[in-house]
Amino acid sequence: MSSYLVTGASRGLGFEFLRQLSADANNIVIGVVRNAEATKQKVDAELQRKNIHVLQADLDDFDAIKTAVNAASEITGGSIDYVIANAAFISTWSSYDGISVLVDKRGETPKRLEEDLVDSFRTNVVGNVHLFNLALPHILRGHAKKVVTVSSGMADLDFISKSGIEVGAPYSISKAALNTAVAKFSAEHSPQGVLFFSISPGVIDTGLYDNATEEEKQKGMAMLGKMAKYAPHFTGPSTQSLRLFNYRLYEPSAPLTGENLAMATFASENGDLNKQASTSTELAQWTTARDGPSGIPSRCASLSPRRSSPPRQRLRDKDVCEARQDSQTRRSVLFLWIWEILSLVLATCLLVVTITVILGQNDHPLGDWPLDRIMTLNSLVNLLSTIFRGILVSIATELIAQAKWTWFWCDKSSQRRMGNLQHFDDGTRGVWGALKLMRIVTWRSPSILVAVVVLVSSFAIGPFVQQSIGHVDKNETLGLGTGIIPVTRHVDGMNISIPLGDSGGMTLKSDIKGAIQTLALSRNGIDSIILPTCPTGNCTFIGLGSNTSVKAGFDVTHASAGICSICTDIGEMIDHQGLIDNLQTINHSLANGISIINSDREGGMRVISGDLSWTNGTIPPETLERASVSFANVTVLASTVLEGNINKNKPKHAIAVTCSLYPCIRTYSAIISRGVLSETPVTETPMGYDFRNEKSPGARKAWDLSAVQLPCLIKGKVYTEGNLSQGPDLSTIRHASAGRTLGIDSEFKAPEECIYRVENDFKLLMSQYFSEEFFNGTCSWDSKQPNSINCGGAIWLSRLWANGESTSSSLEQLFTDFATALTNQLRFGMGRKNGTTSVVNGESLQLVTYIAVKPYWLIFPAILLILEIMALSWMISLTVVYRDELAVWKGSILPLLFYRDLFWGNTDSDGASKRLLTTEEMEEQADQIRSNFSRNIWNN
């Protein structure tokens, strides 16, 4: 059972398609027309077949086409086997006149011609393009996959040019454009097995011109007269064309070619379709079928375009152009070329082997060549190409040697220069001789020229073959785990504390305090640089959200528990009061009780850590939420100059900021290139207090902190908020609300591998050290110490002073850098149980040299081989066809001695008609003859 979608099915050819295709009751035939009701009545009246369905659509209406195609798909069950695009717009207004006449036809403006062109293009091209695109998904589900477009011979450029038919220009132009669209669809979808092609049914009487005027009928008859002159032999529909159409339409294996499909034709058995005209393509098909392939060219046709010479200078034979069909002689002639034939077969095999070896190593590592211990790939290819070239050269020299005899035998003038014998001989002995011979034979014997070109060009075979083997460096992975970047997931504080006397308390180790102070003084020093492990110097890491290797960009590759900072400028909260005894001296204070004094000769800085409840809404809620879980909430009040040098510019100003250092998850996008780690921070996720026991949460100061990293990658599977509870090793997270003491803000389950934690012990130790020692100090400055500030024992606080040029932005950057340096220390192991490690694994990339084949360089030796085959085939054909007149003497010089009279024309007809001796026969006789080159000088 097949399904057909036919447009323009209301009459003429389209209705005939309905009639014939529906004759098989198993077919589903769907006609698309502009007036569905009228067509249904016609179908019921004339055909009365239940397998015909009529749908309404106009090719000018995209929505209507889409509706019709969808309706057809529902009828057929989702697939369409054949689409026959028959509908078209033909304007009677432009059918009888040439395009230049239409510009001012009956006084109408060129606008009318423009409308006719646009209407033709809209229906015949745009409408069908929409039809094809909408039907294509259903065609792909069909078994036949055929799209047939009913075109016209009026769109055939050759037919138009030779017939001189100038009328119907808008219709012809649109049909030509449609043919191009069909070719484009075929080029695009032929790999999917869909066959798009156009057919030309010829002239069909559809009744469109029944109301033509007498003048229009005369013009129509003139057009038919031109068709008759174009194809005077045409007598009726071509059955061969019908077979071609049926083959294209019904054979599933029909090849998807272009030119032979562009104007295929067919005939109909229906009486209404009997008015047809031939196109140029039909004529070409009929001529090919009638005449068949052309015969062998006449004798010596390729050697010279000139006429035959007088009999005196030719091999005279009464029946010289009548080849005797003696099979034994034919076999003996072929045998004389057996070594050249076998050599050419060997050369072909060598080229195939060479190309196979080269292409077989394409995209393989250079070190993977299996014969590397015996012979390198380049050496083997060079050896094969050298043998290949030697064979081509040997065959070319034999062809040139044989050509010198045909050169004189097929003399087209009265004489040949005897010196040409030497030129031919030189041409077989080297490149220079071949180049000199090329000057003689270029315009006289193309077949000899081919052999000369092969001989001269053969020197380039080796370089061309070698050039086809290129090399390219590629990164090859050594496997996951060879690249390592340190991170930390669980900070418990086990390795940073020591007992504090007998009180049972704990305090930070001295070396940890010293390390923190060092980081404050040198935030970007060597102690805070992440040192990855990458054996090759080039490593990539897996994206947590994509599960693929990240080569560049900002895809998150890893995450780590760390410390983040957030700062707020609270300069508006500073209270400025001038002192009574000196109005140039100003006291700057904040609501938390800290203050500094600024004057022309003195200034200072105050740093303290504590809660931020005194800010009274100045700090944003987001900042306060992070401050509630922070290690330290630091307030800095400092003297500064807005511009210039503090020693020269007056008056002084004051700035104030609050910065919170809080636990968080920091994510990064990393890649290691040439030994350098490029680690780009991507996001920061603050941690929150986590209830470990839902029934007895305890005091907030005893809670641990945690956060969940999303997305999270576990054993190749990406977990997000949607599938987090489906992961392995689930733990319950109960985050407390920042504004309540015991309230649970959120509760959910997550894989333990996705949870990053900072335990309360670590937080308390760090908070105690920051608030009591590290971020607690007073610094003073006066003009006697212009480039430094006195901070007592807290010398690290001097970095906040920045020579009196601090700004709120610079302070914020200092705290950001300090938080990053602390995070890196956590990744190195600070705060983690001794002996434990936490890393992110990546892939090391090793630079490997691969073979990159450039196959276009192999075209040259293949062309030379083809030329050699053509030249040898032509020479063999000459010696076979004219075997009674032309001997195969090749490079032998004996014919000059045995047949010297024939060269000078000094022999009778009987002698000329005798069979010529073969090289072997002449050699046998020459072995029995003794001679010397005598000038009679010894007798004197």
Foldseek 3Di string as FASTA:
>chain_A
DAEEEEEPLQFFPNVVCVQVQCVPVVYQYEYEYQDQVNSVVVCCVPPVHPSYHYAYDALLDLVSLLVSLVVSCVVVVQAHAEYEYEDFDADPLQQQDFPVCVCQPPNDHVVVVVVLLVVRQSRLPVSVVSNCVSRVRRNLVYDRQEYEYEAALLLPPVQCVQLVDRTRVSNNVNRVNNLVVQLVVLVVCVVSLHAGFYEHAFDFPGPPCVPPDPVSVVSVVVSVVSLCVVPVPDDFWDVVLQVVVCCNRPPSPDDRDRPLRHYRYHYDPDPRGGDGTDHPSVVVVVCCVVPPDDDDDAFCVQQAVFAFEPCLQALDDPPQRDFDPDVVLLVVLVVVCVVLVVLLVVLVVLLVVLVCLQVVQAFPFLVPPPCVVPDHNLRVSLVSLVSSLVSLLVLLLLLLLQVVQVCRNRPRYHADDPCVNVLSVLLSVDLVSLVVNCVVRVNRHVLNNLSSCLNNCSVCSSVLSSVQWDKDKDWDWPDWFQKWWFAAFEFAQPPFWDADPPPRHIAGDPVVVVVLLVCLQPLPDPLLDTAMGFVAQWWWAAALAPRDTDPDDWRWRDKHKFKAKDKDWPQVQWDWAADPVDRQKIWTDHPVGDIWIFHLFKWWKFKAWDQDPRSPPPDDPVNNLQQLAFLTWMKMKTKADQDDASNPDDDIDITIMIMTIAIWMWTWGWIGHNNDIDTHTDDIGGWAFWQPDLVDRDWSLQTKTKDFDPQGADPSDTDHPVCFQVDPQKDKTFGADSVDTNHTPDIDIGHPRRMGIYGSVVSVNSSVCCRPPQRGWMWMGGSVCQQFIDTDPNRSCRVCCVSRHHDSVVNSVSVRSSRSSRSSVVSVPRSHDPPDTGIGIIIHIHTTMGIHGDCVSSVVSVVSSVSSVVSVVVVSVSCSRSVQRRASARNDPLCCVVVVCSSVSNDDNVVSNDGDDHNVVSVVVVVVDDDDDDPCPVVD
